[in-house]
Amino acid sequence: EKYCLKSVTISMEPSGKYYASLLYEKSDCENQAEEFDYEDAKILGIDYAMHGMAVFSEDIQKENEGYFRKSEERLAREQRKLSHCVKGSNNYYRQKKRVALCHEKIRNQRKDFLHKLSYEMAEAYDVVAVEDIDMKAMSQCMHFGKSVMDNSYGKFRELLEYKLTWRGKKLVRVDRF
């Protein structure tokens, strides 16, 4: 198998860290559409839940920690300190970096939890059925915005889908109605 480097993208986080994303193309790629056997498949159903993250058809005891809610107080304190700094001063930029690090930590904690959960499910189940709901519309509702964004159900579906596809397994999106 041969890989060809297509592009390199370098990006900088607000905290000052740099990341390089490499895009490779696999040349000897065979796209085989195999028929999936549902008879002997181990199936899991996932339904979106406002509190927690989801309701599973099997007894899975993983609960979303609500990382933003847990760090909200510290983040608010750091943002308050930033608002008192003189814009353009060295202390302003130092404090701005601290706020960015708080946001980065929350994002990394959430991402770690979602990767671990989606990995476990992709390993254990052959078919996963998920509720197909519009997360963007739900997050714009004035009652649920923060909870829906902290929940990360949409990101969880994306991670689960690509991990199942890698293993030759299937993700089924079920209409919410």
N, C-alpha and C. Protein backbone atom coordinates (compact mmCIF):
# COMPACT_ATOMS: atom_id res chain seq x y z
N GLU A 1 0.84 -1.18 0.00
CA GLU A 1 0.00 0.00 0.00
C GLU A 1 0.89 1.24 0.00
N LYS A 2 0.47 2.21 -0.77
CA LYS A 2 1.27 3.42 -0.90
C LYS A 2 0.46 4.63 -0.45
N TYR A 3 1.11 5.50 0.30
CA TYR A 3 0.47 6.71 0.79
C TYR A 3 1.14 7.92 0.15
N CYS A 4 0.33 8.91 -0.19
CA CYS A 4 0.85 10.12 -0.81
C CYS A 4 0.40 11.33 0.02
N LEU A 5 1.36 12.16 0.42
CA LEU A 5 1.05 13.35 1.22
C LEU A 5 0.34 14.36 0.32
N LYS A 6 -0.87 14.76 0.71
CA LYS A 6 -1.67 15.70 -0.10
C LYS A 6 -1.52 17.14 0.40
N SER A 7 -1.58 17.33 1.72
CA SER A 7 -1.47 18.70 2.24
C SER A 7 -1.07 18.68 3.71
N VAL A 8 -0.52 19.81 4.15
CA VAL A 8 -0.16 20.01 5.54
C VAL A 8 -0.78 21.34 5.96
N THR A 9 -1.54 21.32 7.06
CA THR A 9 -2.16 22.53 7.57
C THR A 9 -1.62 22.79 8.98
N ILE A 10 -1.05 23.96 9.17
CA ILE A 10 -0.54 24.32 10.49
C ILE A 10 -1.49 25.34 11.08
N SER A 11 -1.93 25.06 12.31
CA SER A 11 -2.87 25.98 12.97
C SER A 11 -2.37 26.29 14.38
N MET A 12 -2.75 27.47 14.86
CA MET A 12 -2.35 27.88 16.19
C MET A 12 -3.58 28.02 17.06
N GLU A 13 -3.54 27.42 18.23
CA GLU A 13 -4.63 27.54 19.20
C GLU A 13 -4.53 28.90 19.89
N PRO A 14 -5.62 29.41 20.44
CA PRO A 14 -5.56 30.66 21.18
C PRO A 14 -4.62 30.60 22.39
N SER A 15 -4.34 29.40 22.88
CA SER A 15 -3.43 29.26 24.02
C SER A 15 -1.97 29.37 23.60
N GLY A 16 -1.70 29.44 22.29
CA GLY A 16 -0.34 29.60 21.80
C GLY A 16 0.27 28.31 21.29
N LYS A 17 -0.44 27.18 21.35
CA LYS A 17 0.09 25.90 20.88
C LYS A 17 -0.13 25.78 19.38
N TYR A 18 0.82 25.15 18.71
CA TYR A 18 0.73 24.92 17.27
C TYR A 18 0.43 23.45 17.00
N TYR A 19 -0.38 23.20 15.96
CA TYR A 19 -0.69 21.84 15.53
C TYR A 19 -0.51 21.74 14.03
N ALA A 20 -0.02 20.60 13.58
CA ALA A 20 0.12 20.34 12.15
C ALA A 20 -0.80 19.17 11.81
N SER A 21 -1.65 19.37 10.81
CA SER A 21 -2.54 18.31 10.33
C SER A 21 -2.03 17.82 8.99
N LEU A 22 -1.78 16.53 8.89
CA LEU A 22 -1.28 15.94 7.66
C LEU A 22 -2.39 15.17 6.98
N LEU A 23 -2.57 15.40 5.68
CA LEU A 23 -3.59 14.70 4.92
C LEU A 23 -2.90 13.79 3.92
N TYR A 24 -3.12 12.49 4.05
CA TYR A 24 -2.55 11.50 3.16
C TYR A 24 -3.64 10.87 2.32
N GLU A 25 -3.25 10.41 1.14
CA GLU A 25 -4.17 9.67 0.28
C GLU A 25 -3.61 8.27 0.09
N LYS A 26 -4.46 7.30 0.27
CA LYS A 26 -4.06 5.90 0.11
C LYS A 26 -4.35 5.51 -1.33
N SER A 27 -3.33 5.07 -2.06
CA SER A 27 -3.50 4.84 -3.50
C SER A 27 -4.16 3.51 -3.84
N ASP A 28 -3.84 2.44 -3.11
CA ASP A 28 -4.41 1.12 -3.40
C ASP A 28 -5.67 0.91 -2.57
N CYS A 29 -6.66 1.70 -2.85
CA CYS A 29 -7.89 1.66 -2.04
C CYS A 29 -8.95 0.85 -2.77
N GLU A 30 -9.48 -0.14 -2.09
CA GLU A 30 -10.55 -0.95 -2.67
C GLU A 30 -11.84 -0.64 -1.93
N ASN A 31 -12.79 -0.11 -2.65
CA ASN A 31 -14.09 0.18 -2.04
C ASN A 31 -15.03 -0.99 -2.30
N GLN A 32 -15.20 -1.79 -1.28
CA GLN A 32 -16.07 -2.94 -1.40
C GLN A 32 -17.34 -2.69 -0.60
N ALA A 33 -18.45 -2.81 -1.26
CA ALA A 33 -19.73 -2.65 -0.58
C ALA A 33 -20.24 -4.03 -0.20
N GLU A 34 -19.99 -4.43 1.03
CA GLU A 34 -20.43 -5.75 1.48
C GLU A 34 -21.82 -5.67 2.08
N GLU A 35 -22.57 -6.73 1.90
CA GLU A 35 -23.91 -6.81 2.49
C GLU A 35 -23.75 -7.15 3.96
N PHE A 36 -24.44 -6.42 4.82
CA PHE A 36 -24.29 -6.61 6.27
C PHE A 36 -25.29 -7.65 6.76
N ASP A 37 -24.83 -8.57 7.60
CA ASP A 37 -25.67 -9.62 8.16
C ASP A 37 -26.19 -9.17 9.53
N TYR A 38 -27.48 -8.85 9.61
CA TYR A 38 -28.06 -8.37 10.86
C TYR A 38 -28.50 -9.51 11.78
N GLU A 39 -28.50 -10.74 11.30
CA GLU A 39 -28.99 -11.88 12.08
C GLU A 39 -28.18 -12.09 13.36
N ASP A 40 -26.87 -12.18 13.22
CA ASP A 40 -26.01 -12.49 14.36
C ASP A 40 -25.33 -11.25 14.94
N ALA A 41 -25.72 -10.09 14.49
CA ALA A 41 -25.05 -8.85 14.90
C ALA A 41 -25.45 -8.46 16.33
N LYS A 42 -24.49 -7.91 17.04
CA LYS A 42 -24.75 -7.38 18.37
C LYS A 42 -25.15 -5.91 18.18
N ILE A 43 -26.38 -5.56 18.59
CA ILE A 43 -26.94 -4.25 18.28
C ILE A 43 -27.12 -3.42 19.55
N LEU A 44 -26.81 -2.12 19.44
CA LEU A 44 -27.00 -1.17 20.54
C LEU A 44 -27.84 -0.01 20.03
N GLY A 45 -28.78 0.41 20.85
CA GLY A 45 -29.59 1.58 20.52
C GLY A 45 -29.22 2.73 21.43
N ILE A 46 -29.08 3.93 20.85
CA ILE A 46 -28.72 5.12 21.63
C ILE A 46 -29.76 6.21 21.37
N ASP A 47 -30.31 6.75 22.46
CA ASP A 47 -31.30 7.81 22.37
C ASP A 47 -30.75 9.05 23.09
N TYR A 48 -30.90 10.21 22.49
CA TYR A 48 -30.40 11.44 23.07
C TYR A 48 -31.12 11.74 24.39
N ALA A 49 -30.37 12.21 25.38
CA ALA A 49 -30.95 12.60 26.67
C ALA A 49 -30.41 13.97 27.04
N MET A 50 -31.27 14.82 27.56
CA MET A 50 -30.84 16.17 27.93
C MET A 50 -29.91 16.12 29.14
N HIS A 51 -30.25 15.31 30.12
CA HIS A 51 -29.39 15.18 31.30
C HIS A 51 -28.57 13.91 31.12
N GLY A 52 -27.29 14.02 31.36
CA GLY A 52 -26.38 12.94 31.00
C GLY A 52 -25.99 13.19 29.56
N MET A 53 -25.91 12.16 28.77
CA MET A 53 -25.64 12.38 27.35
C MET A 53 -26.61 11.59 26.49
N ALA A 54 -26.80 10.35 26.88
CA ALA A 54 -27.66 9.49 26.08
C ALA A 54 -28.21 8.37 26.95
N VAL A 55 -29.26 7.76 26.44
CA VAL A 55 -29.84 6.58 27.07
C VAL A 55 -29.51 5.41 26.16
N PHE A 56 -28.91 4.37 26.72
CA PHE A 56 -28.47 3.22 25.94
C PHE A 56 -29.43 2.06 26.15
N SER A 57 -29.60 1.24 25.10
CA SER A 57 -30.48 0.08 25.21
C SER A 57 -29.87 -0.99 26.11
N GLU A 58 -28.56 -1.04 26.20
CA GLU A 58 -27.86 -1.95 27.11
C GLU A 58 -27.55 -1.18 28.39
N ASP A 59 -27.15 -1.89 29.41
CA ASP A 59 -26.84 -1.24 30.68
C ASP A 59 -25.39 -0.73 30.65
N ILE A 60 -25.21 0.49 30.17
CA ILE A 60 -23.89 1.12 30.10
C ILE A 60 -23.87 2.24 31.12
N GLN A 61 -22.91 2.21 32.03
CA GLN A 61 -22.88 3.14 33.15
C GLN A 61 -22.02 4.37 32.92
N LYS A 62 -21.69 4.69 31.67
CA LYS A 62 -20.88 5.89 31.38
C LYS A 62 -21.79 7.10 31.36
N GLU A 63 -21.44 8.08 32.12
CA GLU A 63 -22.21 9.33 32.14
C GLU A 63 -21.32 10.49 31.77
N ASN A 64 -21.86 11.41 31.01
CA ASN A 64 -21.15 12.62 30.64
C ASN A 64 -20.92 13.44 31.91
N GLU A 65 -19.71 13.91 32.08
CA GLU A 65 -19.35 14.61 33.30
C GLU A 65 -19.83 16.06 33.35
N GLY A 66 -20.22 16.62 32.22
CA GLY A 66 -20.60 18.03 32.21
C GLY A 66 -19.38 18.89 32.50
N TYR A 67 -18.36 18.74 31.66
CA TYR A 67 -17.07 19.37 31.91
C TYR A 67 -17.17 20.90 31.97
N PHE A 68 -18.00 21.47 31.12
CA PHE A 68 -18.14 22.93 31.13
C PHE A 68 -18.77 23.39 32.44
N ARG A 69 -19.80 22.69 32.87
CA ARG A 69 -20.47 23.06 34.13
C ARG A 69 -19.52 22.96 35.32
N LYS A 70 -18.65 21.95 35.30
CA LYS A 70 -17.71 21.77 36.41
C LYS A 70 -16.66 22.88 36.44
N SER A 71 -16.26 23.35 35.27
CA SER A 71 -15.20 24.36 35.18
C SER A 71 -15.73 25.78 35.03
N GLU A 72 -17.04 25.92 35.05
CA GLU A 72 -17.67 27.22 34.78
C GLU A 72 -17.22 28.29 35.77
N GLU A 73 -17.09 27.92 37.03
CA GLU A 73 -16.72 28.89 38.06
C GLU A 73 -15.30 29.41 37.83
N ARG A 74 -14.37 28.50 37.57
CA ARG A 74 -12.98 28.91 37.33
C ARG A 74 -12.88 29.76 36.06
N LEU A 75 -13.59 29.34 35.03
CA LEU A 75 -13.58 30.08 33.76
C LEU A 75 -14.14 31.49 33.96
N ALA A 76 -15.22 31.60 34.71
CA ALA A 76 -15.82 32.92 34.97
C ALA A 76 -14.84 33.81 35.73
N ARG A 77 -14.12 33.23 36.68
CA ARG A 77 -13.15 34.00 37.46
C ARG A 77 -12.04 34.54 36.55
N GLU A 78 -11.52 33.67 35.67
CA GLU A 78 -10.46 34.08 34.75
C GLU A 78 -10.95 35.14 33.76
N GLN A 79 -12.20 34.99 33.30
CA GLN A 79 -12.76 35.98 32.37
C GLN A 79 -13.00 37.31 33.07
N ARG A 80 -13.37 37.26 34.34
CA ARG A 80 -13.56 38.49 35.12
C ARG A 80 -12.24 39.23 35.28
N LYS A 81 -11.17 38.47 35.57
CA LYS A 81 -9.85 39.08 35.68
C LYS A 81 -9.45 39.74 34.36
N LEU A 82 -9.77 39.06 33.25
CA LEU A 82 -9.45 39.60 31.93
C LEU A 82 -10.18 40.92 31.68
N SER A 83 -11.43 41.01 32.12
CA SER A 83 -12.21 42.22 31.87
C SER A 83 -11.66 43.43 32.63
N HIS A 84 -10.90 43.18 33.70
CA HIS A 84 -10.31 44.28 34.47
C HIS A 84 -8.95 44.72 33.94
N CYS A 85 -8.38 43.94 33.02
CA CYS A 85 -7.06 44.29 32.47
C CYS A 85 -7.21 45.39 31.41
N VAL A 86 -6.16 46.17 31.24
CA VAL A 86 -6.13 47.21 30.21
C VAL A 86 -5.84 46.54 28.88
N LYS A 87 -6.73 46.75 27.91
CA LYS A 87 -6.57 46.12 26.60
C LYS A 87 -5.25 46.51 25.97
N GLY A 88 -4.52 45.50 25.48
CA GLY A 88 -3.24 45.76 24.81
C GLY A 88 -2.04 45.63 25.73
N SER A 89 -2.25 45.55 27.04
CA SER A 89 -1.12 45.44 27.97
C SER A 89 -0.62 44.00 28.02
N ASN A 90 0.58 43.82 28.57
CA ASN A 90 1.13 42.47 28.70
C ASN A 90 0.29 41.61 29.63
N ASN A 91 -0.22 42.21 30.71
CA ASN A 91 -1.08 41.46 31.62
C ASN A 91 -2.37 41.01 30.92
N TYR A 92 -2.87 41.84 30.02
CA TYR A 92 -4.08 41.50 29.25
C TYR A 92 -3.82 40.24 28.42
N TYR A 93 -2.70 40.22 27.70
CA TYR A 93 -2.40 39.06 26.84
C TYR A 93 -2.10 37.81 27.68
N ARG A 94 -1.47 37.99 28.82
CA ARG A 94 -1.19 36.86 29.72
C ARG A 94 -2.50 36.27 30.24
N GLN A 95 -3.43 37.14 30.63
CA GLN A 95 -4.72 36.69 31.15
C GLN A 95 -5.56 36.07 30.05
N LYS A 96 -5.47 36.63 28.85
CA LYS A 96 -6.22 36.09 27.71
C LYS A 96 -5.76 34.66 27.42
N LYS A 97 -4.46 34.42 27.59
CA LYS A 97 -3.92 33.07 27.39
C LYS A 97 -4.45 32.12 28.47
N ARG A 98 -4.59 32.60 29.71
CA ARG A 98 -5.14 31.77 30.78
C ARG A 98 -6.59 31.37 30.50
N VAL A 99 -7.37 32.31 29.99
CA VAL A 99 -8.77 32.01 29.62
C VAL A 99 -8.79 30.96 28.51
N ALA A 100 -7.92 31.13 27.51
CA ALA A 100 -7.85 30.17 26.40
C ALA A 100 -7.45 28.78 26.90
N LEU A 101 -6.55 28.72 27.88
CA LEU A 101 -6.14 27.43 28.44
C LEU A 101 -7.30 26.76 29.18
N CYS A 102 -8.13 27.56 29.85
CA CYS A 102 -9.32 26.99 30.53
C CYS A 102 -10.26 26.36 29.50
N HIS A 103 -10.52 27.10 28.42
CA HIS A 103 -11.39 26.57 27.36
C HIS A 103 -10.78 25.32 26.74
N GLU A 104 -9.47 25.34 26.52
CA GLU A 104 -8.79 24.19 25.92
C GLU A 104 -8.88 22.96 26.81
N LYS A 105 -8.73 23.15 28.12
CA LYS A 105 -8.81 22.02 29.05
C LYS A 105 -10.20 21.40 29.02
N ILE A 106 -11.23 22.23 29.02
CA ILE A 106 -12.61 21.74 28.96
C ILE A 106 -12.81 20.94 27.67
N ARG A 107 -12.35 21.50 26.55
CA ARG A 107 -12.50 20.84 25.25
C ARG A 107 -11.77 19.50 25.23
N ASN A 108 -10.55 19.46 25.77
CA ASN A 108 -9.77 18.22 25.78
C ASN A 108 -10.38 17.15 26.69
N GLN A 109 -10.93 17.56 27.83
CA GLN A 109 -11.59 16.60 28.73
C GLN A 109 -12.79 15.98 28.03
N ARG A 110 -13.60 16.82 27.38
CA ARG A 110 -14.79 16.34 26.69
C ARG A 110 -14.41 15.41 25.54
N LYS A 111 -13.39 15.82 24.77
CA LYS A 111 -12.96 15.01 23.64
C LYS A 111 -12.43 13.66 24.09
N ASP A 112 -11.67 13.63 25.18
CA ASP A 112 -11.13 12.39 25.72
C ASP A 112 -12.25 11.43 26.12
N PHE A 113 -13.24 11.96 26.83
CA PHE A 113 -14.38 11.14 27.24
C PHE A 113 -15.12 10.56 26.03
N LEU A 114 -15.36 11.39 25.02
CA LEU A 114 -16.10 10.94 23.83
C LEU A 114 -15.31 9.90 23.04
N HIS A 115 -13.99 10.09 22.91
CA HIS A 115 -13.17 9.10 22.20
C HIS A 115 -13.18 7.75 22.91
N LYS A 116 -13.05 7.78 24.22
CA LYS A 116 -13.04 6.52 24.99
C LYS A 116 -14.38 5.79 24.90
N LEU A 117 -15.47 6.55 25.02
CA LEU A 117 -16.81 5.95 24.95
C LEU A 117 -17.09 5.38 23.57
N SER A 118 -16.78 6.15 22.52
CA SER A 118 -17.04 5.68 21.15
C SER A 118 -16.15 4.48 20.81
N TYR A 119 -14.93 4.44 21.32
CA TYR A 119 -14.05 3.29 21.10
C TYR A 119 -14.63 2.02 21.72
N GLU A 120 -15.08 2.13 22.97
CA GLU A 120 -15.66 0.97 23.65
C GLU A 120 -16.87 0.43 22.90
N MET A 121 -17.72 1.34 22.41
CA MET A 121 -18.92 0.90 21.69
C MET A 121 -18.60 0.31 20.33
N ALA A 122 -17.62 0.89 19.64
CA ALA A 122 -17.22 0.36 18.33
C ALA A 122 -16.60 -1.02 18.46
N GLU A 123 -15.92 -1.26 19.56
CA GLU A 123 -15.31 -2.58 19.79
C GLU A 123 -16.38 -3.62 20.17
N ALA A 124 -17.35 -3.23 20.97
CA ALA A 124 -18.28 -4.18 21.55
C ALA A 124 -19.50 -4.50 20.66
N TYR A 125 -19.89 -3.59 19.77
CA TYR A 125 -21.13 -3.77 19.02
C TYR A 125 -20.88 -3.77 17.51
N ASP A 126 -21.74 -4.52 16.78
CA ASP A 126 -21.64 -4.60 15.32
C ASP A 126 -22.49 -3.53 14.65
N VAL A 127 -23.63 -3.24 15.25
CA VAL A 127 -24.54 -2.24 14.70
C VAL A 127 -24.97 -1.32 15.85
N VAL A 128 -24.90 -0.01 15.60
CA VAL A 128 -25.34 0.96 16.59
C VAL A 128 -26.38 1.85 15.92
N ALA A 129 -27.56 1.92 16.55
CA ALA A 129 -28.65 2.76 16.04
C ALA A 129 -28.72 4.01 16.91
N VAL A 130 -28.64 5.19 16.26
CA VAL A 130 -28.67 6.45 16.99
C VAL A 130 -29.85 7.30 16.52
N GLU A 131 -30.33 8.13 17.44
CA GLU A 131 -31.40 9.05 17.11
C GLU A 131 -30.83 10.18 16.27
N ASP A 132 -31.46 10.48 15.16
CA ASP A 132 -30.98 11.52 14.25
C ASP A 132 -31.74 12.81 14.54
N ILE A 133 -31.14 13.67 15.37
CA ILE A 133 -31.79 14.94 15.71
C ILE A 133 -30.88 16.09 15.33
N ASP A 134 -31.46 17.25 15.12
CA ASP A 134 -30.72 18.44 14.71
C ASP A 134 -30.15 19.12 15.95
N MET A 135 -28.87 18.89 16.21
CA MET A 135 -28.24 19.42 17.41
C MET A 135 -28.11 20.94 17.35
N LYS A 136 -27.88 21.47 16.16
CA LYS A 136 -27.71 22.92 16.02
C LYS A 136 -28.99 23.65 16.40
N ALA A 137 -30.12 23.13 15.96
CA ALA A 137 -31.41 23.75 16.29
C ALA A 137 -31.68 23.67 17.79
N MET A 138 -31.30 22.54 18.39
CA MET A 138 -31.52 22.40 19.84
C MET A 138 -30.63 23.35 20.64
N SER A 139 -29.39 23.55 20.17
CA SER A 139 -28.47 24.42 20.91
C SER A 139 -28.89 25.88 20.82
N GLN A 140 -29.66 26.24 19.80
CA GLN A 140 -30.09 27.63 19.64
C GLN A 140 -31.34 27.94 20.45
N CYS A 141 -31.96 26.91 20.99
CA CYS A 141 -33.12 27.12 21.86
C CYS A 141 -32.63 27.77 23.15
N MET A 142 -33.29 28.82 23.61
CA MET A 142 -32.77 29.60 24.73
C MET A 142 -32.77 28.82 26.05
N HIS A 143 -33.52 27.74 26.16
CA HIS A 143 -33.55 26.98 27.42
C HIS A 143 -32.44 25.95 27.52
N PHE A 144 -31.97 25.44 26.36
CA PHE A 144 -31.07 24.29 26.38
C PHE A 144 -29.66 24.57 25.90
N GLY A 145 -29.34 25.75 25.43
CA GLY A 145 -28.08 26.04 24.76
C GLY A 145 -26.84 25.49 25.43
N LYS A 146 -26.60 25.85 26.67
CA LYS A 146 -25.37 25.45 27.36
C LYS A 146 -25.34 23.94 27.59
N SER A 147 -26.46 23.36 27.98
CA SER A 147 -26.52 21.93 28.25
C SER A 147 -26.26 21.11 26.98
N VAL A 148 -26.85 21.53 25.87
CA VAL A 148 -26.69 20.79 24.62
C VAL A 148 -25.25 20.87 24.14
N MET A 149 -24.64 22.05 24.26
CA MET A 149 -23.26 22.20 23.80
C MET A 149 -22.30 21.42 24.70
N ASP A 150 -22.55 21.39 25.99
CA ASP A 150 -21.69 20.65 26.91
C ASP A 150 -21.87 19.15 26.75
N ASN A 151 -23.03 18.76 26.28
CA ASN A 151 -23.38 17.36 26.08
C ASN A 151 -22.54 16.72 24.97
N SER A 152 -22.34 17.40 23.86
CA SER A 152 -21.54 16.94 22.72
C SER A 152 -22.06 15.67 22.07
N TYR A 153 -23.36 15.51 22.02
CA TYR A 153 -23.94 14.32 21.40
C TYR A 153 -23.64 14.26 19.91
N GLY A 154 -23.64 15.40 19.24
CA GLY A 154 -23.35 15.45 17.81
C GLY A 154 -21.93 14.99 17.51
N LYS A 155 -20.97 15.45 18.29
CA LYS A 155 -19.57 15.04 18.12
C LYS A 155 -19.42 13.56 18.42
N PHE A 156 -20.15 13.08 19.41
CA PHE A 156 -20.11 11.66 19.76
C PHE A 156 -20.57 10.81 18.58
N ARG A 157 -21.65 11.24 17.90
CA ARG A 157 -22.13 10.50 16.73
C ARG A 157 -21.09 10.45 15.63
N GLU A 158 -20.39 11.58 15.39
CA GLU A 158 -19.35 11.61 14.35
C GLU A 158 -18.22 10.63 14.68
N LEU A 159 -17.75 10.67 15.92
CA LEU A 159 -16.66 9.78 16.33
C LEU A 159 -17.07 8.32 16.23
N LEU A 160 -18.27 8.03 16.69
CA LEU A 160 -18.77 6.66 16.65
C LEU A 160 -18.90 6.17 15.21
N GLU A 161 -19.37 7.03 14.33
CA GLU A 161 -19.56 6.65 12.93
C GLU A 161 -18.24 6.28 12.25
N TYR A 162 -17.21 7.11 12.43
CA TYR A 162 -15.96 6.79 11.74
C TYR A 162 -15.26 5.58 12.37
N LYS A 163 -15.43 5.37 13.67
CA LYS A 163 -14.80 4.21 14.30
C LYS A 163 -15.49 2.91 13.90
N LEU A 164 -16.80 2.96 13.76
CA LEU A 164 -17.53 1.78 13.29
C LEU A 164 -17.19 1.47 11.83
N THR A 165 -17.09 2.51 11.00
CA THR A 165 -16.77 2.33 9.59
C THR A 165 -15.39 1.70 9.43
N TRP A 166 -14.41 2.14 10.23
CA TRP A 166 -13.07 1.56 10.19
C TRP A 166 -13.09 0.06 10.45
N ARG A 167 -13.99 -0.37 11.33
CA ARG A 167 -14.04 -1.78 11.71
C ARG A 167 -14.99 -2.59 10.83
N GLY A 168 -15.58 -1.95 9.82
CA GLY A 168 -16.51 -2.65 8.94
C GLY A 168 -17.85 -2.88 9.58
N LYS A 169 -18.19 -2.07 10.56
CA LYS A 169 -19.47 -2.18 11.26
C LYS A 169 -20.39 -1.08 10.79
N LYS A 170 -21.58 -1.02 11.35
CA LYS A 170 -22.59 -0.12 10.78
C LYS A 170 -23.21 0.80 11.82
N LEU A 171 -23.43 2.06 11.41
CA LEU A 171 -24.17 3.02 12.21
C LEU A 171 -25.47 3.30 11.48
N VAL A 172 -26.58 3.14 12.18
CA VAL A 172 -27.90 3.36 11.60
C VAL A 172 -28.51 4.59 12.25
N ARG A 173 -28.87 5.57 11.43
CA ARG A 173 -29.52 6.78 11.96
C ARG A 173 -31.04 6.57 11.90
N VAL A 174 -31.68 6.71 13.05
CA VAL A 174 -33.12 6.50 13.16
C VAL A 174 -33.80 7.86 13.25
N ASP A 175 -34.81 8.07 12.44
CA ASP A 175 -35.53 9.34 12.45
C ASP A 175 -36.17 9.56 13.82
N ARG A 176 -36.17 10.80 14.27
CA ARG A 176 -36.65 11.09 15.63
C ARG A 176 -38.16 10.87 15.77
N PHE A 177 -38.88 10.85 14.67
CA PHE A 177 -40.33 10.64 14.75
C PHE A 177 -40.65 9.19 14.52
